N, C-alpha and C. Protein backbone atom coordinates (compact mmCIF):
# COMPACT_ATOMS: atom_id res chain seq x y z
N MET A 1 13.88 40.88 -4.54
CA MET A 1 14.83 39.96 -4.38
C MET A 1 14.45 38.93 -3.35
N ILE A 2 15.01 37.68 -3.56
CA ILE A 2 14.85 36.60 -3.11
C ILE A 2 15.87 36.49 -1.98
N ASP A 3 15.59 35.87 -0.59
CA ASP A 3 16.38 35.99 0.67
C ASP A 3 17.30 35.82 0.32
N ARG A 4 17.47 34.83 -0.14
CA ARG A 4 19.28 34.09 -0.88
C ARG A 4 20.26 34.95 -1.47
N ASP A 5 19.77 35.81 -2.28
CA ASP A 5 20.51 36.27 -3.04
C ASP A 5 20.95 37.94 -2.35
N ARG A 6 20.36 38.20 -1.28
CA ARG A 6 20.47 39.73 -0.42
C ARG A 6 22.15 39.30 0.02
N PRO A 7 22.74 40.29 -0.57
CA PRO A 7 24.31 40.47 0.32
C PRO A 7 24.15 40.57 1.67
N THR A 8 24.93 39.72 2.23
CA THR A 8 24.99 40.20 3.62
C THR A 8 26.04 40.71 4.26
N SER A 9 25.87 41.15 5.73
CA SER A 9 27.09 42.26 6.29
C SER A 9 28.32 40.78 6.32
N VAL A 10 29.78 42.08 6.26
CA VAL A 10 30.69 41.28 6.58
C VAL A 10 31.38 40.99 7.56
N ASN A 11 31.49 39.96 8.75
CA ASN A 11 31.88 40.01 10.08
C ASN A 11 33.85 40.06 10.25
N PHE A 12 33.93 40.85 11.24
CA PHE A 12 35.36 41.45 11.29
C PHE A 12 36.03 39.91 10.99
N ALA A 13 36.00 39.18 11.63
CA ALA A 13 36.51 37.54 11.45
C ALA A 13 36.95 37.63 9.72
N SER A 14 36.42 37.69 9.22
CA SER A 14 36.65 37.75 7.84
C SER A 14 37.00 39.19 7.02
N ARG A 15 37.38 40.13 7.66
CA ARG A 15 37.63 41.59 6.94
C ARG A 15 39.60 41.06 7.02
N GLN A 16 40.21 41.67 5.71
CA GLN A 16 41.38 41.61 6.03
C GLN A 16 41.71 43.07 6.71
N ILE A 17 41.24 43.76 6.49
CA ILE A 17 42.08 45.14 7.24
C ILE A 17 41.40 44.91 8.47
N ARG A 18 42.04 45.90 9.81
CA ARG A 18 41.75 45.43 10.96
C ARG A 18 42.14 47.18 11.60
N LEU A 19 40.72 47.89 12.05
CA LEU A 19 41.40 49.40 12.31
C LEU A 19 41.31 49.09 13.87
N CYS A 20 41.75 50.02 14.72
CA CYS A 20 42.06 49.45 16.05
C CYS A 20 42.21 51.13 16.69
N LEU A 21 41.14 51.51 17.74
CA LEU A 21 41.28 52.42 18.19
C LEU A 21 42.08 52.85 19.41
N ASP A 22 43.11 53.53 19.67
CA ASP A 22 44.31 53.66 20.66
C ASP A 22 43.77 54.79 21.39
N THR A 23 43.32 54.39 22.44
CA THR A 23 42.73 55.53 23.67
C THR A 23 41.95 54.57 25.07
N ALA A 24 42.58 55.40 25.54
CA ALA A 24 41.74 54.25 26.94
C ALA A 24 40.50 55.09 27.44
N ASP A 25 40.00 55.82 26.76
CA ASP A 25 38.96 57.13 27.44
C ASP A 25 37.89 56.10 26.77
N PRO A 26 36.56 55.58 27.94
CA PRO A 26 35.78 55.32 27.03
C PRO A 26 34.82 56.14 26.42
N LYS A 27 34.79 57.48 26.74
CA LYS A 27 34.02 58.55 25.95
C LYS A 27 34.14 58.91 24.86
N GLN A 28 35.54 58.16 24.15
CA GLN A 28 35.55 58.25 23.08
C GLN A 28 35.89 56.95 22.21
N TRP A 29 35.32 55.70 22.97
CA TRP A 29 34.70 54.27 22.63
C TRP A 29 33.59 54.44 22.40
N GLN A 30 32.71 55.38 23.10
CA GLN A 30 31.31 55.23 23.03
C GLN A 30 31.10 56.27 21.62
N ILE A 31 31.93 56.89 20.92
CA ILE A 31 31.87 57.77 19.83
C ILE A 31 31.91 57.08 18.73
N TRP A 32 33.06 56.52 18.72
CA TRP A 32 33.46 55.52 17.51
C TRP A 32 33.44 54.38 17.42
N LEU A 33 33.23 53.45 18.61
CA LEU A 33 32.60 52.09 18.61
C LEU A 33 31.58 51.61 17.02
N PRO A 34 30.32 52.31 17.67
CA PRO A 34 29.16 52.45 17.13
C PRO A 34 29.37 52.44 15.06
N THR A 35 30.23 53.12 15.11
CA THR A 35 30.61 53.27 13.45
C THR A 35 31.01 51.95 13.07
N GLY A 36 31.23 50.66 13.32
CA GLY A 36 31.45 49.81 12.71
C GLY A 36 32.79 49.64 12.58
N LEU A 37 33.80 50.62 12.01
CA LEU A 37 34.79 50.88 11.68
C LEU A 37 35.99 50.11 12.51
N PHE A 38 36.03 49.82 14.06
CA PHE A 38 36.56 49.78 14.52
C PHE A 38 37.04 47.97 15.33
N TYR A 39 37.39 47.70 14.84
CA TYR A 39 37.91 45.83 15.31
C TYR A 39 38.09 45.70 16.51
N GLY A 40 38.93 46.68 17.50
CA GLY A 40 39.34 47.20 18.73
C GLY A 40 39.34 47.82 19.09
N ILE A 41 40.42 48.04 20.72
CA ILE A 41 41.02 48.68 21.51
C ILE A 41 42.39 48.60 21.66
N THR A 42 43.36 49.29 21.49
CA THR A 42 44.50 49.51 22.35
C THR A 42 44.75 50.59 23.27
N THR A 43 45.63 49.81 24.13
CA THR A 43 46.18 50.93 25.03
C THR A 43 47.29 50.64 25.96
N ASN A 44 47.78 51.54 26.52
CA ASN A 44 49.43 51.31 27.25
C ASN A 44 49.13 51.85 28.70
N PRO A 45 50.13 51.71 29.38
CA PRO A 45 50.36 52.72 30.76
C PRO A 45 50.03 54.03 30.40
N LEU A 46 50.77 55.34 29.11
CA LEU A 46 51.10 56.41 29.05
C LEU A 46 49.41 56.46 28.45
N LEU A 47 48.77 55.65 28.03
CA LEU A 47 47.41 55.99 27.39
C LEU A 47 46.54 56.49 28.78
N LEU A 48 46.78 55.53 29.96
CA LEU A 48 46.00 55.02 30.61
C LEU A 48 45.80 56.32 31.87
N GLU A 49 47.18 56.95 32.04
CA GLU A 49 47.62 58.08 32.34
C GLU A 49 47.21 59.28 31.71
N ARG A 50 47.34 59.29 30.61
CA ARG A 50 46.95 60.90 29.92
C ARG A 50 45.29 60.59 29.88
N SER A 51 44.44 59.19 30.30
CA SER A 51 43.08 59.27 30.37
C SER A 51 42.77 59.37 31.93
N GLN A 52 43.66 59.43 32.83
CA GLN A 52 43.51 59.10 34.29
C GLN A 52 42.44 58.01 34.73
N VAL A 53 43.14 56.88 34.27
CA VAL A 53 42.89 55.60 34.56
C VAL A 53 43.32 54.95 35.25
N PRO A 54 43.62 54.36 36.68
CA PRO A 54 44.69 54.04 37.40
C PRO A 54 45.22 52.28 36.98
N CYS A 55 46.46 52.41 36.55
CA CYS A 55 47.09 50.86 36.19
C CYS A 55 47.11 49.95 36.48
N THR A 56 45.51 49.64 37.09
CA THR A 56 45.44 48.24 38.38
C THR A 56 44.68 47.27 37.21
N VAL A 57 44.59 45.86 37.31
CA VAL A 57 44.23 44.33 36.88
C VAL A 57 42.89 44.55 37.19
N GLU A 58 42.61 45.17 38.33
CA GLU A 58 41.09 45.44 38.39
C GLU A 58 40.30 46.21 37.71
N GLN A 59 40.88 47.51 37.50
CA GLN A 59 40.56 48.49 36.65
C GLN A 59 40.33 48.78 35.38
N LEU A 60 41.60 47.54 34.52
CA LEU A 60 41.70 47.24 33.17
C LEU A 60 40.54 46.22 33.32
N LYS A 61 40.09 45.62 34.11
CA LYS A 61 38.72 44.24 33.55
C LYS A 61 37.76 45.29 33.29
N LEU A 62 37.44 46.30 34.13
CA LEU A 62 35.90 47.17 33.92
C LEU A 62 36.46 48.01 32.37
N LEU A 63 37.87 48.21 32.50
CA LEU A 63 38.04 49.18 30.85
C LEU A 63 37.54 48.28 30.06
N ALA A 64 37.58 46.38 29.98
CA ALA A 64 37.49 45.63 29.01
C ALA A 64 35.94 45.28 28.74
N GLU A 65 35.30 45.29 30.00
CA GLU A 65 34.35 44.96 29.86
C GLU A 65 33.05 45.75 29.05
N GLN A 66 33.91 47.28 29.42
CA GLN A 66 33.02 48.37 28.61
C GLN A 66 33.55 48.33 27.10
N ALA A 67 34.61 48.00 27.02
CA ALA A 67 34.79 47.72 25.40
C ALA A 67 34.25 47.03 24.63
N PHE A 68 34.13 45.82 25.36
CA PHE A 68 33.18 44.61 24.85
C PHE A 68 31.73 44.74 24.73
N ALA A 69 31.00 45.38 25.70
CA ALA A 69 30.12 45.56 25.34
C ALA A 69 29.58 46.99 24.31
N LEU A 70 30.69 47.41 23.81
CA LEU A 70 30.32 48.37 22.96
C LEU A 70 30.91 47.53 21.66
N GLY A 71 31.02 46.53 21.67
CA GLY A 71 30.91 45.91 20.51
C GLY A 71 32.62 46.13 20.12
N ALA A 72 33.87 46.12 20.73
CA ALA A 72 35.07 45.33 20.20
C ALA A 72 35.31 44.13 20.32
N GLN A 73 36.11 43.53 19.14
CA GLN A 73 36.03 42.38 18.95
C GLN A 73 37.58 42.00 20.08
N GLU A 74 38.36 42.86 20.26
CA GLU A 74 39.40 42.74 21.32
C GLU A 74 39.74 43.97 21.82
N ILE A 75 40.74 43.93 22.96
CA ILE A 75 41.37 44.86 23.83
C ILE A 75 42.77 44.33 24.03
N GLN A 76 43.71 45.53 23.81
CA GLN A 76 44.79 45.04 23.89
C GLN A 76 45.38 45.82 25.23
N LEU A 77 46.17 45.09 25.88
CA LEU A 77 45.99 45.77 27.52
C LEU A 77 47.87 45.01 27.86
N GLN A 78 48.37 46.29 27.99
CA GLN A 78 49.82 45.70 28.07
C GLN A 78 50.28 45.58 29.91
N THR A 79 51.22 44.79 30.07
CA THR A 79 51.59 44.36 31.07
C THR A 79 52.56 45.29 31.97
N TRP A 80 53.31 44.87 32.98
CA TRP A 80 53.87 45.81 33.54
C TRP A 80 54.86 45.26 34.47
N GLY A 81 55.95 45.57 35.06
CA GLY A 81 56.67 44.86 36.04
C GLY A 81 58.13 44.91 35.41
N ASP A 82 59.02 45.03 36.03
CA ASP A 82 60.79 45.17 35.67
C ASP A 82 61.54 43.75 35.47
N THR A 83 60.65 43.02 35.61
CA THR A 83 61.51 41.31 35.66
C THR A 83 60.36 40.87 34.83
N VAL A 84 61.33 39.60 34.25
CA VAL A 84 59.99 38.56 33.14
C VAL A 84 58.90 37.72 34.12
N GLU A 85 59.21 37.73 35.62
CA GLU A 85 58.46 37.06 36.68
C GLU A 85 57.45 38.12 36.52
N ALA A 86 57.47 39.30 36.85
CA ALA A 86 56.17 40.43 37.10
C ALA A 86 55.75 40.45 35.86
N LEU A 87 56.64 40.21 34.63
CA LEU A 87 55.61 40.27 33.42
C LEU A 87 54.54 39.41 33.25
N VAL A 88 55.43 38.19 33.34
CA VAL A 88 54.27 37.20 33.06
C VAL A 88 53.15 37.05 34.07
N SER A 89 53.35 37.56 35.14
CA SER A 89 52.64 37.07 35.99
C SER A 89 51.02 38.50 35.46
N THR A 90 51.50 39.69 35.83
CA THR A 90 50.45 40.35 35.27
C THR A 90 49.92 40.25 34.49
N GLY A 91 50.91 39.46 32.72
CA GLY A 91 50.13 39.38 31.72
C GLY A 91 49.09 37.97 31.96
N GLN A 92 49.35 37.04 32.87
CA GLN A 92 48.50 36.29 33.00
C GLN A 92 46.95 36.83 33.84
N ARG A 93 47.30 37.44 34.53
CA ARG A 93 45.88 37.93 35.45
C ARG A 93 45.38 38.67 34.34
N LEU A 94 46.01 39.87 33.14
CA LEU A 94 44.77 40.50 32.53
C LEU A 94 44.38 39.53 31.23
N ALA A 95 45.19 38.22 30.90
CA ALA A 95 44.64 37.41 30.32
C ALA A 95 43.18 36.67 30.56
N ALA A 96 43.52 36.53 31.81
CA ALA A 96 42.24 35.71 32.18
C ALA A 96 41.44 36.85 32.54
N ILE A 97 41.23 38.05 32.04
CA ILE A 97 39.88 39.03 32.23
C ILE A 97 38.98 38.22 31.38
N ASP A 98 39.58 38.00 30.04
CA ASP A 98 38.65 37.92 29.15
C ASP A 98 39.65 36.93 27.66
N GLN A 99 39.29 35.75 27.09
CA GLN A 99 39.64 35.22 25.89
C GLN A 99 39.67 36.40 24.91
N ARG A 100 39.56 37.57 25.04
CA ARG A 100 39.58 38.51 23.83
C ARG A 100 40.69 39.61 23.94
N VAL A 101 41.20 39.20 25.50
CA VAL A 101 42.32 40.28 25.77
C VAL A 101 43.54 39.54 24.81
N VAL A 102 44.57 40.78 24.65
CA VAL A 102 45.59 40.72 23.72
C VAL A 102 46.63 41.18 24.95
N VAL A 103 47.57 40.68 25.59
CA VAL A 103 48.49 41.08 25.96
C VAL A 103 49.86 41.66 25.38
N LYS A 104 49.86 42.89 25.82
CA LYS A 104 51.29 43.40 24.58
C LYS A 104 52.43 43.69 25.73
N VAL A 105 53.32 43.49 25.07
CA VAL A 105 54.71 43.25 26.26
C VAL A 105 55.69 44.24 25.15
N PRO A 106 56.52 44.83 25.92
CA PRO A 106 57.94 45.62 25.12
C PRO A 106 58.91 44.75 24.35
N MET A 107 59.27 45.30 23.20
CA MET A 107 60.12 44.66 22.52
C MET A 107 61.68 44.52 23.18
N THR A 108 61.93 44.08 24.40
CA THR A 108 62.96 43.99 25.02
C THR A 108 63.37 42.64 25.48
N GLN A 109 64.89 42.36 25.63
CA GLN A 109 64.88 41.22 25.51
C GLN A 109 64.10 40.31 26.79
N VAL A 110 64.03 41.32 28.17
CA VAL A 110 62.97 40.62 28.64
C VAL A 110 61.70 40.50 28.84
N GLY A 111 61.22 41.72 28.05
CA GLY A 111 59.59 41.61 27.02
C GLY A 111 59.62 40.29 26.46
N ALA A 112 60.52 39.72 25.36
CA ALA A 112 60.62 38.78 24.54
C ALA A 112 60.46 37.76 25.47
N THR A 113 61.54 37.22 26.29
CA THR A 113 61.30 36.11 27.57
C THR A 113 60.04 35.94 28.13
N ALA A 114 59.72 37.29 28.69
CA ALA A 114 58.46 36.99 28.80
C ALA A 114 56.99 36.46 28.04
N ALA A 115 57.24 37.13 26.92
CA ALA A 115 56.33 37.25 26.10
C ALA A 115 56.44 35.32 25.46
N ALA A 116 57.43 34.71 25.54
CA ALA A 116 57.60 33.76 25.37
C ALA A 116 56.90 32.38 26.53
N GLN A 117 56.72 32.59 26.90
CA GLN A 117 56.41 31.89 28.21
C GLN A 117 54.84 32.79 28.39
N LEU A 118 54.12 33.50 27.90
CA LEU A 118 53.21 33.88 27.91
C LEU A 118 52.41 33.20 26.85
N ILE A 119 52.77 33.49 25.53
CA ILE A 119 52.64 32.65 24.26
C ILE A 119 52.40 31.07 24.55
N ALA A 120 53.65 30.35 25.21
CA ALA A 120 53.29 28.87 25.25
C ALA A 120 52.13 28.60 25.88
N ALA A 121 51.72 29.55 27.01
CA ALA A 121 50.34 29.25 27.71
C ALA A 121 49.37 29.33 27.25
N GLY A 122 49.67 30.16 25.68
CA GLY A 122 48.38 30.25 24.84
C GLY A 122 47.40 31.40 24.78
N ILE A 123 48.89 32.24 25.62
CA ILE A 123 47.92 34.06 25.52
C ILE A 123 48.70 34.47 24.31
N PRO A 124 47.49 34.94 23.55
CA PRO A 124 47.83 36.24 22.64
C PRO A 124 48.70 37.53 23.03
N ILE A 125 50.02 37.63 22.13
CA ILE A 125 50.89 38.67 22.67
C ILE A 125 51.04 39.57 21.23
N THR A 126 51.13 40.97 21.96
CA THR A 126 51.39 42.12 20.71
C THR A 126 53.23 42.67 21.60
N LEU A 127 54.10 42.26 20.96
CA LEU A 127 55.51 42.70 21.30
C LEU A 127 55.25 44.74 20.17
N THR A 128 55.44 45.30 21.41
CA THR A 128 55.43 46.45 21.17
C THR A 128 56.02 47.30 21.30
N ALA A 129 56.43 48.35 21.26
CA ALA A 129 57.55 49.53 20.97
C ALA A 129 58.63 49.11 20.09
N VAL A 130 58.17 48.78 18.89
CA VAL A 130 58.73 48.18 17.98
C VAL A 130 59.70 49.35 16.76
N TYR A 131 61.39 49.63 17.03
CA TYR A 131 61.87 50.77 16.36
C TYR A 131 62.29 50.49 15.01
N ALA A 132 62.95 49.13 15.03
CA ALA A 132 63.72 47.97 13.71
C ALA A 132 63.22 47.57 12.81
N VAL A 133 64.00 47.64 12.07
CA VAL A 133 63.09 46.02 11.03
C VAL A 133 63.42 44.41 11.50
N HIS A 134 64.76 44.79 12.22
CA HIS A 134 64.79 43.15 12.45
C HIS A 134 63.85 42.22 13.80
N GLN A 135 63.23 43.70 14.06
CA GLN A 135 62.61 43.40 15.14
C GLN A 135 61.62 42.71 15.43
N VAL A 136 60.73 42.84 14.07
CA VAL A 136 59.86 42.01 13.86
C VAL A 136 60.04 40.58 13.45
N LEU A 137 61.20 40.05 13.33
CA LEU A 137 61.77 38.85 13.20
C LEU A 137 61.83 38.27 14.45
N ILE A 138 62.32 38.70 15.76
CA ILE A 138 61.77 38.79 16.68
C ILE A 138 60.27 38.01 17.22
N ALA A 139 59.09 38.70 17.05
CA ALA A 139 57.69 39.21 16.82
C ALA A 139 57.48 37.02 16.28
N ALA A 140 58.22 37.20 14.94
CA ALA A 140 57.92 36.03 14.07
C ALA A 140 57.77 34.89 14.89
N ALA A 141 59.60 35.06 15.14
CA ALA A 141 59.77 33.80 16.10
C ALA A 141 59.20 33.49 17.24
N LEU A 142 58.53 34.23 18.08
CA LEU A 142 58.35 33.46 19.24
C LEU A 142 57.03 33.18 18.69
N GLY A 143 56.30 34.00 17.66
CA GLY A 143 54.54 33.35 17.36
C GLY A 143 53.85 34.37 17.66
N GLY A 144 54.24 35.66 18.16
CA GLY A 144 53.28 36.52 18.41
C GLY A 144 52.26 36.84 17.23
N ALA A 145 51.30 37.40 17.78
CA ALA A 145 49.91 37.86 17.13
C ALA A 145 50.60 39.11 16.95
N TYR A 146 50.95 39.80 16.97
CA TYR A 146 50.81 41.18 16.26
C TYR A 146 52.74 41.41 16.94
N ALA A 147 53.05 42.47 15.97
CA ALA A 147 54.37 43.35 16.02
C ALA A 147 53.79 44.94 16.19
N ALA A 148 53.86 45.69 16.83
CA ALA A 148 53.47 47.45 17.09
C ALA A 148 54.98 48.36 16.50
N PRO A 149 55.10 48.66 15.09
CA PRO A 149 56.02 49.72 15.12
C PRO A 149 55.25 50.80 15.43
N TYR A 150 56.37 51.97 15.47
CA TYR A 150 55.68 53.26 16.05
C TYR A 150 56.22 54.02 14.93
N LEU A 151 55.43 54.36 14.11
CA LEU A 151 55.34 54.91 12.64
C LEU A 151 56.04 56.35 13.25
N GLY A 152 55.20 57.09 13.62
CA GLY A 152 55.86 58.69 14.20
C GLY A 152 56.95 59.18 14.97
N ARG A 153 57.04 58.11 16.01
CA ARG A 153 58.60 58.03 16.50
C ARG A 153 59.80 57.42 16.05
N ILE A 154 59.47 56.92 14.87
CA ILE A 154 60.56 56.46 14.17
C ILE A 154 60.91 57.70 13.31
N ASN A 155 59.90 58.62 12.62
CA ASN A 155 60.09 59.71 11.85
C ASN A 155 61.07 60.78 12.64
N ASP A 156 60.61 60.67 13.98
CA ASP A 156 61.26 61.48 14.62
C ASP A 156 62.62 61.39 14.82
N LEU A 157 63.11 60.22 14.87
CA LEU A 157 64.57 59.49 15.01
C LEU A 157 65.29 59.86 13.84
N GLY A 158 64.54 60.52 12.74
CA GLY A 158 65.55 61.01 11.13
C GLY A 158 65.32 60.07 10.65
N ARG A 159 64.89 58.66 10.43
CA ARG A 159 64.32 57.72 9.39
C ARG A 159 63.30 58.40 8.81
N ASN A 160 63.19 57.16 7.79
CA ASN A 160 61.89 57.44 6.97
C ASN A 160 61.14 55.76 7.42
N GLY A 161 60.13 56.53 8.43
CA GLY A 161 58.98 55.25 8.87
C GLY A 161 58.20 54.50 8.10
N ARG A 162 58.14 55.28 7.00
CA ARG A 162 57.14 54.27 6.04
C ARG A 162 58.15 53.18 4.99
N GLU A 163 59.10 53.79 5.05
CA GLU A 163 59.99 52.99 4.30
C GLU A 163 60.61 51.51 4.96
N ASP A 164 60.67 52.06 6.35
CA ASP A 164 60.97 51.14 8.02
C ASP A 164 60.04 49.91 7.46
N LEU A 165 58.51 50.62 7.72
CA LEU A 165 57.72 49.55 7.90
C LEU A 165 57.02 48.97 6.43
N VAL A 166 57.64 49.38 5.69
CA VAL A 166 57.30 48.64 4.22
C VAL A 166 58.27 46.98 4.19
N ALA A 167 59.62 47.77 5.07
CA ALA A 167 60.43 46.64 5.12
C ALA A 167 60.18 45.60 6.38
N MET A 168 59.51 46.03 7.31
CA MET A 168 59.25 44.87 7.96
C MET A 168 57.63 44.03 7.58
N GLN A 169 56.92 44.75 6.49
CA GLN A 169 56.44 43.83 5.99
C GLN A 169 56.68 42.73 5.41
N ARG A 170 57.36 43.23 4.39
CA ARG A 170 58.01 42.39 3.04
C ARG A 170 58.79 40.96 4.26
N SER A 171 59.62 41.47 5.27
CA SER A 171 60.19 40.88 6.15
C SER A 171 59.02 39.46 6.72
N LEU A 172 57.88 39.69 7.06
CA LEU A 172 57.41 38.97 7.28
C LEU A 172 56.57 38.57 6.58
N ALA A 173 56.32 38.98 5.32
CA ALA A 173 55.94 38.01 4.09
C ALA A 173 56.84 37.06 3.65
N GLY A 174 58.20 37.63 4.06
CA GLY A 174 59.58 36.38 3.10
C GLY A 174 59.39 35.16 3.80
N ILE A 175 58.91 35.17 4.70
CA ILE A 175 58.75 33.92 5.64
C ILE A 175 57.77 33.49 6.25
N ASN A 176 56.77 34.04 5.35
CA ASN A 176 55.25 33.75 5.43
C ASN A 176 55.00 33.39 6.91
N SER A 177 54.92 34.47 7.43
CA SER A 177 54.75 34.37 8.68
C SER A 177 53.21 35.21 8.97
N ALA A 178 52.60 34.79 10.09
CA ALA A 178 50.97 34.83 10.84
C ALA A 178 51.24 36.10 11.58
N THR A 179 52.29 36.58 12.31
CA THR A 179 51.96 37.55 12.73
C THR A 179 51.89 38.49 11.82
N ARG A 180 50.42 40.12 12.51
CA ARG A 180 50.52 40.90 11.80
C ARG A 180 50.82 42.20 12.62
N LEU A 181 51.42 43.14 11.46
CA LEU A 181 52.46 43.79 11.97
C LEU A 181 51.31 45.49 11.98
N LEU A 182 51.16 45.59 13.33
CA LEU A 182 50.34 46.82 13.97
C LEU A 182 50.64 47.76 14.25
N VAL A 183 50.06 48.58 13.21
CA VAL A 183 51.49 49.99 12.97
C VAL A 183 50.38 51.16 14.10
N ALA A 184 51.59 51.70 14.72
CA ALA A 184 51.05 53.09 15.90
C ALA A 184 51.86 54.00 15.55
N SER A 185 51.47 54.98 16.41
CA SER A 185 52.16 55.97 16.54
C SER A 185 51.99 56.78 15.58
N ILE A 186 50.47 56.41 14.31
CA ILE A 186 50.11 57.33 13.10
C ILE A 186 49.66 58.55 13.53
N ARG A 187 50.05 59.46 13.00
CA ARG A 187 49.59 61.14 12.75
C ARG A 187 49.37 61.89 11.24
N SER A 188 48.75 61.14 10.85
CA SER A 188 48.16 61.00 9.41
C SER A 188 47.59 60.05 8.66
N VAL A 189 46.39 60.55 8.35
CA VAL A 189 45.34 59.55 7.36
C VAL A 189 45.90 59.19 6.42
N ASP A 190 46.87 59.99 5.36
CA ASP A 190 47.51 59.81 4.56
C ASP A 190 49.05 58.89 4.57
N ASP A 191 49.24 58.34 5.90
CA ASP A 191 50.21 57.39 6.14
C ASP A 191 49.24 56.21 6.13
N ILE A 192 48.60 55.78 6.30
CA ILE A 192 47.52 54.71 6.77
C ILE A 192 47.69 54.57 5.22
N THR A 193 46.89 55.52 4.36
CA THR A 193 46.84 55.07 2.46
C THR A 193 47.67 54.52 2.06
N PHE A 194 48.83 55.26 2.37
CA PHE A 194 50.04 54.79 1.89
C PHE A 194 50.54 53.67 1.82
N LEU A 195 50.75 53.18 3.40
CA LEU A 195 51.16 51.96 3.98
C LEU A 195 49.83 50.58 3.14
N ALA A 196 48.77 51.06 3.25
CA ALA A 196 47.71 50.22 2.30
C ALA A 196 48.09 49.48 1.12
N THR A 197 48.66 50.71 0.64
CA THR A 197 48.84 50.12 -1.21
C THR A 197 49.92 49.29 -1.04
N GLN A 198 51.47 49.18 0.34
CA GLN A 198 52.22 48.46 0.43
C GLN A 198 51.93 47.47 1.16
N GLY A 199 50.62 46.81 0.91
CA GLY A 199 49.99 45.67 1.81
C GLY A 199 50.06 45.66 3.37
N LEU A 200 50.17 46.79 3.86
CA LEU A 200 49.75 46.36 5.33
C LEU A 200 48.41 46.87 5.83
N ASP A 201 47.94 46.06 6.86
CA ASP A 201 46.41 45.95 6.71
C ASP A 201 45.99 45.98 8.27
N THR A 202 46.59 46.49 9.30
CA THR A 202 46.41 46.41 10.44
C THR A 202 46.54 48.00 11.29
N PHE A 203 46.19 48.92 11.65
CA PHE A 203 46.38 50.30 12.45
C PHE A 203 45.76 50.22 13.13
N THR A 204 46.19 50.93 14.36
CA THR A 204 45.92 51.84 15.67
C THR A 204 45.94 53.43 15.83
N PHE A 205 44.87 53.69 15.68
CA PHE A 205 45.38 55.24 15.91
C PHE A 205 44.09 56.17 17.00
N SER A 206 45.06 57.48 17.22
CA SER A 206 43.61 58.06 18.28
C SER A 206 42.15 58.65 17.65
N PRO A 207 41.43 59.37 18.50
CA PRO A 207 40.36 59.35 17.92
C PRO A 207 40.61 60.56 16.66
N ALA A 208 41.56 61.64 17.02
CA ALA A 208 41.78 62.56 16.00
C ALA A 208 42.03 62.13 14.59
N ILE A 209 42.73 61.22 14.30
CA ILE A 209 42.64 60.71 13.17
C ILE A 209 41.19 59.51 12.63
N ALA A 210 40.67 59.08 13.43
CA ALA A 210 39.09 58.75 13.19
C ALA A 210 38.38 59.64 12.74
N ALA A 211 38.81 60.91 13.13
CA ALA A 211 38.22 62.32 12.77
C ALA A 211 38.39 62.87 11.77
N ALA A 212 39.67 62.91 10.86
CA ALA A 212 39.98 63.11 10.00
C ALA A 212 40.13 62.19 8.76
N PHE A 213 39.43 60.50 8.98
CA PHE A 213 39.30 60.34 8.19
C PHE A 213 37.50 60.20 7.31
N PHE A 214 36.78 61.39 8.37
CA PHE A 214 35.77 61.85 7.65
C PHE A 214 35.97 63.22 7.18
N GLU A 215 36.68 63.58 7.17
CA GLU A 215 36.92 65.34 6.69
C GLU A 215 37.13 65.32 5.73
N VAL A 216 36.29 65.14 4.87
CA VAL A 216 36.22 65.82 3.62
C VAL A 216 35.03 66.54 3.00
N ALA A 217 35.65 68.03 2.71
CA ALA A 217 34.30 68.80 2.29
C ALA A 217 33.68 68.14 1.09
N ALA A 218 33.85 68.20 0.06
CA ALA A 218 32.87 67.34 -0.87
C ALA A 218 31.74 66.51 -0.50
N THR A 219 32.43 65.55 0.15
CA THR A 219 31.15 64.74 0.38
C THR A 219 30.09 65.57 1.59
N GLU A 220 30.84 65.92 2.57
CA GLU A 220 30.28 66.56 3.46
C GLU A 220 28.95 67.63 3.19
N GLN A 221 29.12 68.25 1.69
CA GLN A 221 28.31 68.96 1.16
C GLN A 221 27.45 68.11 0.15
N ALA A 222 28.34 66.81 -0.26
CA ALA A 222 27.10 66.38 -0.92
C ALA A 222 25.88 66.21 -0.35
N ALA A 223 26.36 65.53 0.87
CA ALA A 223 25.71 64.70 1.83
C ALA A 223 24.36 66.03 1.80
N THR A 224 24.76 67.30 2.34
CA THR A 224 24.35 68.37 2.65
C THR A 224 22.91 68.51 1.70
N ASP A 225 23.89 68.24 0.01
CA ASP A 225 22.48 68.72 -1.02
C ASP A 225 21.72 67.41 -0.98
N PHE A 226 22.35 66.32 -0.66
CA PHE A 226 21.05 65.09 -0.96
C PHE A 226 20.04 65.59 0.19
N GLN A 227 20.04 66.12 1.29
CA GLN A 227 19.35 65.97 2.04
C GLN A 227 18.25 67.10 2.14
N GLN A 228 18.78 68.25 1.10
CA GLN A 228 18.62 69.34 0.87
C GLN A 228 16.84 69.01 0.05
N ALA A 229 17.19 67.79 -1.25
CA ALA A 229 16.81 67.71 -2.06
C ALA A 229 15.84 66.80 -1.71
N ALA A 230 15.81 66.25 -0.73
CA ALA A 230 15.02 64.92 -0.48
C ALA A 230 14.05 65.84 0.38
N LEU A 231 14.19 67.00 1.15
CA LEU A 231 13.86 67.23 2.18
C LEU A 231 12.57 68.26 0.92
N ARG A 232 12.99 69.15 -0.25
CA ARG A 232 11.99 69.92 -1.57
C ARG A 232 11.20 68.80 -1.81
N MET A 233 11.55 67.57 -2.17
CA MET A 233 10.53 66.28 -2.77
C MET A 233 9.71 65.95 -1.80
N GLY A 234 9.70 65.97 -0.39
CA GLY A 234 8.73 65.83 0.18
C GLY A 234 8.98 64.50 1.28
N ALA A 235 10.33 64.63 1.54
CA ALA A 235 10.81 64.06 2.45
C ALA A 235 10.19 64.37 3.82
N ASN A 236 9.95 63.59 4.97
CA ASN A 236 9.52 63.83 5.84
C ASN A 236 9.94 62.85 7.23
């Protein structure tokens, strides 16, 4: 085969699907980012607390540097504050860490106002904690890069999270919005595969869900059989 006929690897920028790892634990990044599956990392103050990471801009800068060194294409860091001014100020400081930082802002009126100012400054934004179908239209109207609905938590409210997320995706498609639906609070691989059949293509999930992607007994047995056959036939 001559060189020009060889298939080349597909880079993340040209991939339709984006998978993100939803954890602030660098030890998990070291395990999962080298697989090449993950476009980036998503974090929030609750995940920082869970991983015992101080919620400071200085600490998040160190985290971002680790993520990029491991191959992440972007990292999502959530701003904080009780006012528009505080959310914008912290968001600007987070964005200044690296152009690959996406600033997360809660989907509240205060958050949306802050997001509008950050977007006007050219900062990519995720509107997060989305629970209602109409909220994705807010993200689209603002020009947000992502809107992040919480699938599992929507189910906890007694609603059908899958149906709500499909409706969100159709709403964005109906207005030809470039805003991506970033599905969060995922508790089952089956939810991802179902939503993918409905046109959703961007997901963030825990290391436990990442592991579940590979937990197929028949595949593990086949891999063992291949290895044993190779050894019997002289592989070394």
